[in-house]
N, C-alpha and C. Protein backbone atom coordinates (compact mmCIF):
# COMPACT_ATOMS: atom_id res chain seq x y z
N UNK A 1 39.81 -8.16 -42.80
CA UNK A 1 40.46 -6.60 -43.24
C UNK A 1 39.69 -5.84 -42.36
N UNK A 2 38.37 -6.53 -41.89
CA UNK A 2 37.64 -5.21 -41.33
C UNK A 2 36.06 -5.47 -41.14
N UNK A 3 35.82 -4.74 -41.27
CA UNK A 3 33.60 -3.88 -41.03
C UNK A 3 34.50 -3.24 -42.51
N UNK A 4 32.77 -2.52 -42.57
CA UNK A 4 32.20 -1.69 -43.72
C UNK A 4 33.42 -0.41 -44.18
N UNK A 5 33.82 -0.20 -42.82
CA UNK A 5 34.44 1.56 -42.62
C UNK A 5 35.89 1.18 -42.93
N UNK A 6 36.45 -0.15 -42.79
CA UNK A 6 38.03 -0.17 -42.93
C UNK A 6 38.23 -0.59 -44.69
N UNK A 7 37.05 -1.07 -45.05
CA UNK A 7 37.00 -1.82 -46.35
C UNK A 7 36.53 -0.58 -47.34
N UNK A 8 36.16 -0.12 -46.99
CA UNK A 8 35.70 1.37 -47.41
C UNK A 8 36.97 2.17 -48.16
N UNK A 9 37.33 2.34 -46.84
CA UNK A 9 38.88 2.90 -46.45
C UNK A 9 40.33 2.75 -47.43
N UNK A 10 40.06 1.52 -47.32
CA UNK A 10 40.90 0.58 -48.09
C UNK A 10 40.28 0.91 -50.11
N UNK A 11 39.37 0.43 -50.45
CA UNK A 11 38.88 0.23 -51.81
C UNK A 11 39.28 2.01 -52.19
N UNK A 12 38.99 2.93 -51.33
CA UNK A 12 39.31 4.23 -52.11
C UNK A 12 40.87 5.14 -52.19
N UNK A 13 41.20 3.80 -51.29
CA UNK A 13 43.15 4.00 -51.33
C UNK A 13 43.59 3.26 -52.86
N UNK A 14 42.85 1.66 -52.95
CA UNK A 14 43.53 0.94 -54.08
C UNK A 14 42.70 1.52 -55.27
N UNK A 15 42.03 2.27 -55.24
CA UNK A 15 41.28 2.81 -56.63
C UNK A 15 42.12 4.01 -56.80
N UNK A 16 42.34 5.17 -55.84
CA UNK A 16 43.27 6.38 -56.00
C UNK A 16 44.65 5.86 -57.09
N UNK A 17 44.96 4.43 -57.08
CA UNK A 17 46.82 4.33 -57.19
C UNK A 17 45.74 3.92 -58.31
N UNK A 18 45.17 2.63 -58.66
CA UNK A 18 44.83 1.92 -59.33
C UNK A 18 43.14 2.30 -60.21
N UNK A 19 43.48 3.27 -60.88
CA UNK A 19 41.83 3.48 -61.33
C UNK A 19 41.15 2.68 -62.46
N UNK A 20 41.90 1.74 -62.97
CA UNK A 20 41.64 0.52 -64.19
C UNK A 20 41.06 -0.12 -63.71
N UNK A 21 41.32 -0.62 -62.42
CA UNK A 21 40.92 -1.57 -61.33
C UNK A 21 41.82 -2.23 -60.46
N UNK A 22 41.31 -3.29 -58.85
CA UNK A 22 42.43 -3.10 -58.50
C UNK A 22 41.84 -5.19 -57.79
N UNK A 23 41.40 -6.08 -58.95
CA UNK A 23 41.52 -6.74 -58.97
C UNK A 23 40.75 -7.33 -57.40
N UNK A 24 39.62 -7.26 -57.15
CA UNK A 24 38.64 -7.70 -56.11
C UNK A 24 37.44 -7.63 -56.66
N UNK A 25 37.14 -8.93 -56.73
CA UNK A 25 35.71 -9.33 -57.38
C UNK A 25 34.47 -9.57 -56.33
N UNK A 26 34.41 -9.20 -55.12
CA UNK A 26 33.20 -9.14 -54.32
C UNK A 26 32.76 -8.47 -53.37
N UNK A 27 31.99 -8.00 -52.66
CA UNK A 27 32.41 -6.55 -51.87
C UNK A 27 31.01 -7.56 -50.92
N UNK A 28 30.98 -7.43 -49.98
CA UNK A 28 30.00 -8.33 -49.13
C UNK A 28 29.35 -7.56 -47.80
N UNK A 29 28.23 -7.20 -47.61
CA UNK A 29 27.70 -6.84 -46.48
C UNK A 29 27.74 -4.98 -46.55
N UNK A 30 27.24 -4.37 -45.13
CA UNK A 30 27.55 -2.78 -45.04
C UNK A 30 26.65 -2.36 -45.49
N UNK A 31 25.03 -3.04 -45.64
CA UNK A 31 24.24 -2.68 -45.93
C UNK A 31 24.06 -1.56 -47.57
N UNK A 32 23.47 -0.72 -47.65
CA UNK A 32 23.16 -0.26 -48.82
C UNK A 32 23.60 0.80 -49.32
N UNK A 33 24.30 2.03 -48.38
CA UNK A 33 25.29 3.18 -48.10
C UNK A 33 26.65 2.83 -48.87
N UNK A 34 27.18 1.42 -48.97
CA UNK A 34 28.15 1.69 -49.14
C UNK A 34 28.26 1.57 -50.74
N UNK A 35 27.56 0.70 -51.44
CA UNK A 35 27.23 0.31 -52.60
C UNK A 35 26.93 1.65 -53.67
N UNK A 36 25.88 2.47 -52.95
CA UNK A 36 25.38 3.92 -53.41
C UNK A 36 26.69 4.64 -53.32
N UNK A 37 27.50 4.74 -52.63
CA UNK A 37 28.50 5.52 -52.49
C UNK A 37 29.73 4.80 -53.82
N UNK A 38 30.24 4.09 -53.80
CA UNK A 38 31.08 3.64 -55.09
C UNK A 38 30.85 3.28 -55.74
N UNK A 39 28.75 3.22 -56.27
CA UNK A 39 28.16 3.31 -57.67
C UNK A 39 28.49 4.69 -58.44
N UNK A 40 28.51 5.83 -57.19
CA UNK A 40 28.45 7.55 -57.40
C UNK A 40 30.16 7.70 -58.10
N UNK A 41 30.95 6.74 -57.30
CA UNK A 41 32.42 6.67 -57.73
C UNK A 41 32.87 6.36 -59.17
N UNK A 42 31.87 5.34 -59.32
CA UNK A 42 31.64 4.54 -60.97
C UNK A 42 33.11 3.47 -60.86
N UNK A 43 32.92 2.91 -59.74
CA UNK A 43 34.08 1.72 -59.26
C UNK A 43 33.45 0.47 -59.43
N UNK A 44 31.93 0.37 -60.04
CA UNK A 44 31.20 -0.75 -59.43
C UNK A 44 31.13 -1.44 -61.02
N UNK A 45 31.09 -3.40 -61.07
CA UNK A 45 30.86 -3.26 -62.07
C UNK A 45 30.10 -4.89 -61.76
N UNK A 46 28.84 -4.91 -62.89
CA UNK A 46 28.53 -6.53 -62.44
C UNK A 46 29.65 -7.69 -62.42
N UNK A 47 29.27 -8.23 -61.68
CA UNK A 47 29.63 -9.95 -61.69
C UNK A 47 28.86 -10.75 -61.90
N UNK A 48 29.74 -12.10 -62.68
CA UNK A 48 28.62 -12.98 -62.60
C UNK A 48 29.89 -14.01 -61.95
N UNK A 49 29.68 -15.09 -60.91
CA UNK A 49 30.57 -15.82 -59.97
C UNK A 49 30.85 -16.60 -61.10
N UNK A 50 29.64 -17.67 -61.58
CA UNK A 50 29.58 -18.79 -62.26
C UNK A 50 31.08 -18.79 -63.71
N UNK A 51 30.98 -17.56 -64.24
CA UNK A 51 32.10 -17.44 -65.14
C UNK A 51 33.40 -17.39 -64.46
N UNK A 52 33.54 -16.71 -63.06
CA UNK A 52 34.79 -16.81 -62.83
C UNK A 52 34.86 -18.59 -62.49
N UNK A 53 34.71 -18.69 -61.86
CA UNK A 53 34.33 -20.55 -61.63
C UNK A 53 34.78 -21.33 -62.43
N UNK A 54 34.32 -21.19 -63.34
CA UNK A 54 34.28 -22.08 -64.57
C UNK A 54 36.04 -21.72 -65.05
N UNK A 55 36.17 -20.14 -65.62
CA UNK A 55 37.36 -19.74 -65.69
C UNK A 55 38.76 -20.69 -64.89
N UNK A 56 37.95 -20.90 -63.69
CA UNK A 56 39.21 -21.26 -62.83
C UNK A 56 38.85 -22.83 -62.05
N UNK A 57 38.11 -23.57 -63.27
CA UNK A 57 37.76 -24.78 -63.13
C UNK A 57 37.62 -25.62 -61.63
N UNK A 58 36.65 -24.42 -61.22
CA UNK A 58 36.59 -24.28 -59.55
C UNK A 58 34.88 -25.17 -59.81
N UNK A 59 34.66 -25.70 -58.94
CA UNK A 59 32.99 -26.22 -58.64
C UNK A 59 32.62 -25.20 -57.88
N UNK A 60 30.65 -25.38 -58.89
CA UNK A 60 30.13 -23.44 -58.02
C UNK A 60 29.74 -24.48 -56.64
N UNK A 61 29.89 -23.83 -55.15
CA UNK A 61 29.66 -23.55 -54.06
C UNK A 61 28.22 -23.97 -54.07
N UNK A 62 27.79 -24.73 -53.73
CA UNK A 62 26.33 -24.52 -53.39
C UNK A 62 25.97 -24.89 -51.50
N UNK A 63 26.63 -24.63 -51.26
CA UNK A 63 26.26 -24.81 -49.38
C UNK A 63 27.95 -24.60 -49.43
N UNK A 64 27.20 -23.91 -47.83
CA UNK A 64 28.39 -23.70 -46.74
C UNK A 64 29.49 -24.34 -46.80
N UNK A 65 29.25 -25.79 -46.91
CA UNK A 65 30.33 -26.64 -46.18
C UNK A 65 31.14 -26.64 -47.44
N UNK A 66 30.34 -26.27 -48.72
CA UNK A 66 31.31 -26.77 -50.35
C UNK A 66 32.46 -25.40 -50.75
N UNK A 67 32.26 -24.48 -49.42
CA UNK A 67 33.32 -23.38 -49.05
C UNK A 67 34.23 -23.95 -48.47
N UNK A 68 34.63 -25.22 -48.12
CA UNK A 68 36.19 -25.36 -47.19
C UNK A 68 36.64 -26.71 -48.34
N UNK A 69 35.78 -26.96 -49.63
CA UNK A 69 36.86 -27.38 -50.31
C UNK A 69 37.94 -27.62 -50.55
N UNK A 70 39.33 -28.42 -50.15
CA UNK A 70 40.19 -27.58 -50.12
C UNK A 70 40.82 -27.30 -51.40
N UNK A 71 39.72 -27.05 -53.08
CA UNK A 71 40.99 -26.68 -54.40
C UNK A 71 40.26 -25.04 -53.93
N UNK A 72 39.05 -24.97 -52.86
CA UNK A 72 39.18 -23.53 -52.59
C UNK A 72 39.92 -22.87 -51.92
N UNK A 73 40.91 -23.41 -51.06
CA UNK A 73 41.84 -23.25 -49.92
C UNK A 73 42.33 -21.72 -50.35
N UNK A 74 42.22 -20.88 -49.92
CA UNK A 74 42.94 -19.80 -50.37
C UNK A 74 41.95 -18.64 -51.12
N UNK A 75 40.63 -19.46 -51.55
CA UNK A 75 40.20 -17.96 -52.40
C UNK A 75 38.91 -17.91 -51.62
N UNK A 76 38.50 -18.22 -50.35
CA UNK A 76 37.04 -17.69 -49.99
C UNK A 76 37.68 -16.87 -48.87
N UNK A 77 37.20 -15.62 -48.35
CA UNK A 77 37.62 -14.57 -47.81
C UNK A 77 36.25 -13.68 -47.08
N UNK A 78 36.57 -13.50 -45.34
CA UNK A 78 35.58 -12.94 -45.08
C UNK A 78 36.50 -12.04 -44.27
N UNK A 79 35.56 -10.90 -43.83
CA UNK A 79 35.62 -10.24 -42.62
C UNK A 79 35.84 -10.43 -41.39
N UNK A 80 36.46 -9.96 -40.80
CA UNK A 80 36.80 -10.37 -38.98
C UNK A 80 35.15 -9.92 -38.22
N UNK A 81 34.70 -10.92 -37.69
CA UNK A 81 32.82 -10.68 -37.46
C UNK A 81 33.24 -9.93 -36.09
N UNK A 82 34.75 -9.81 -35.44
CA UNK A 82 34.11 -8.83 -34.38
C UNK A 82 34.28 -7.46 -35.14
N UNK A 83 34.49 -7.02 -36.41
CA UNK A 83 34.19 -6.19 -36.84
C UNK A 83 33.33 -5.58 -38.09
N UNK A 84 32.67 -6.15 -38.46
CA UNK A 84 31.43 -6.77 -39.27
C UNK A 84 30.45 -7.57 -38.88
N UNK A 85 28.92 -6.46 -38.73
CA UNK A 85 28.26 -6.99 -38.16
C UNK A 85 27.14 -7.98 -39.19
N UNK A 86 27.46 -7.86 -40.51
CA UNK A 86 26.89 -8.64 -40.81
C UNK A 86 27.46 -10.30 -41.53
N UNK A 87 29.14 -10.08 -40.92
CA UNK A 87 29.49 -11.44 -40.86
C UNK A 87 29.39 -11.96 -39.68
N UNK A 88 29.39 -11.67 -38.83
CA UNK A 88 29.05 -11.96 -37.39
C UNK A 88 28.14 -12.88 -37.88
N UNK A 89 26.43 -12.07 -37.88
CA UNK A 89 25.57 -12.56 -38.10
C UNK A 89 25.80 -14.11 -39.02
N UNK A 90 26.26 -13.76 -39.66
CA UNK A 90 26.24 -14.70 -40.63
C UNK A 90 26.75 -16.10 -40.44
N UNK A 91 28.15 -15.87 -39.42
CA UNK A 91 29.16 -17.31 -38.73
C UNK A 91 27.47 -17.49 -37.73
N UNK A 92 27.30 -16.01 -36.89
CA UNK A 92 26.44 -17.05 -36.05
C UNK A 92 24.96 -17.75 -36.88
N UNK A 93 24.53 -17.98 -37.38
CA UNK A 93 23.43 -18.58 -38.26
C UNK A 93 24.55 -19.68 -38.56
N UNK A 94 25.32 -20.17 -39.48
CA UNK A 94 25.93 -21.13 -39.81
C UNK A 94 26.51 -21.51 -38.04
N UNK A 95 26.74 -21.36 -37.14
CA UNK A 95 26.75 -22.22 -35.79
C UNK A 95 25.78 -22.50 -35.35
N UNK A 96 24.84 -21.99 -35.57
CA UNK A 96 23.55 -22.05 -34.81
C UNK A 96 22.65 -23.60 -36.08
N UNK A 97 23.08 -23.46 -36.85
CA UNK A 97 22.29 -24.52 -37.87
C UNK A 97 22.99 -25.95 -37.56
N UNK A 98 24.26 -25.67 -37.68
CA UNK A 98 25.60 -26.63 -38.15
C UNK A 98 26.37 -26.60 -36.66
N UNK A 99 25.87 -26.47 -35.70
CA UNK A 99 27.39 -26.42 -34.11
C UNK A 99 28.63 -26.22 -34.64
N UNK A 100 29.30 -26.41 -33.50
CA UNK A 100 30.49 -25.68 -33.46
C UNK A 100 31.39 -26.06 -34.18
N UNK A 101 31.18 -27.76 -34.16
CA UNK A 101 32.40 -28.19 -34.97
C UNK A 101 32.13 -28.27 -36.14
N UNK A 102 30.99 -28.83 -37.08
CA UNK A 102 30.57 -28.43 -38.23
C UNK A 102 30.44 -27.21 -38.98
N UNK A 103 30.62 -26.24 -38.23
CA UNK A 103 30.36 -24.93 -38.51
C UNK A 103 31.38 -24.15 -38.53
């Protein structure tokens, strides 16, 4: 989707059209400002990942490699690292730790 500005624009648009919920489970990155803004708008909720995984009967990922399991295909998403500093750094760390092929 892009970096934080693009994500916030999308979230604002979605909540304008669907004020009761937009079916997005997790928002990552962007520092503290986006969360402060979304909290003021009253659109944040606590989220417990294991409960959702249990409901879907997915194993809880414990390593980066676990996210590549076939049963999680299409359930794991990430921002474009060209537009998100947080995701770019996460990818850098993964590649430095595991190399190009495994990373």
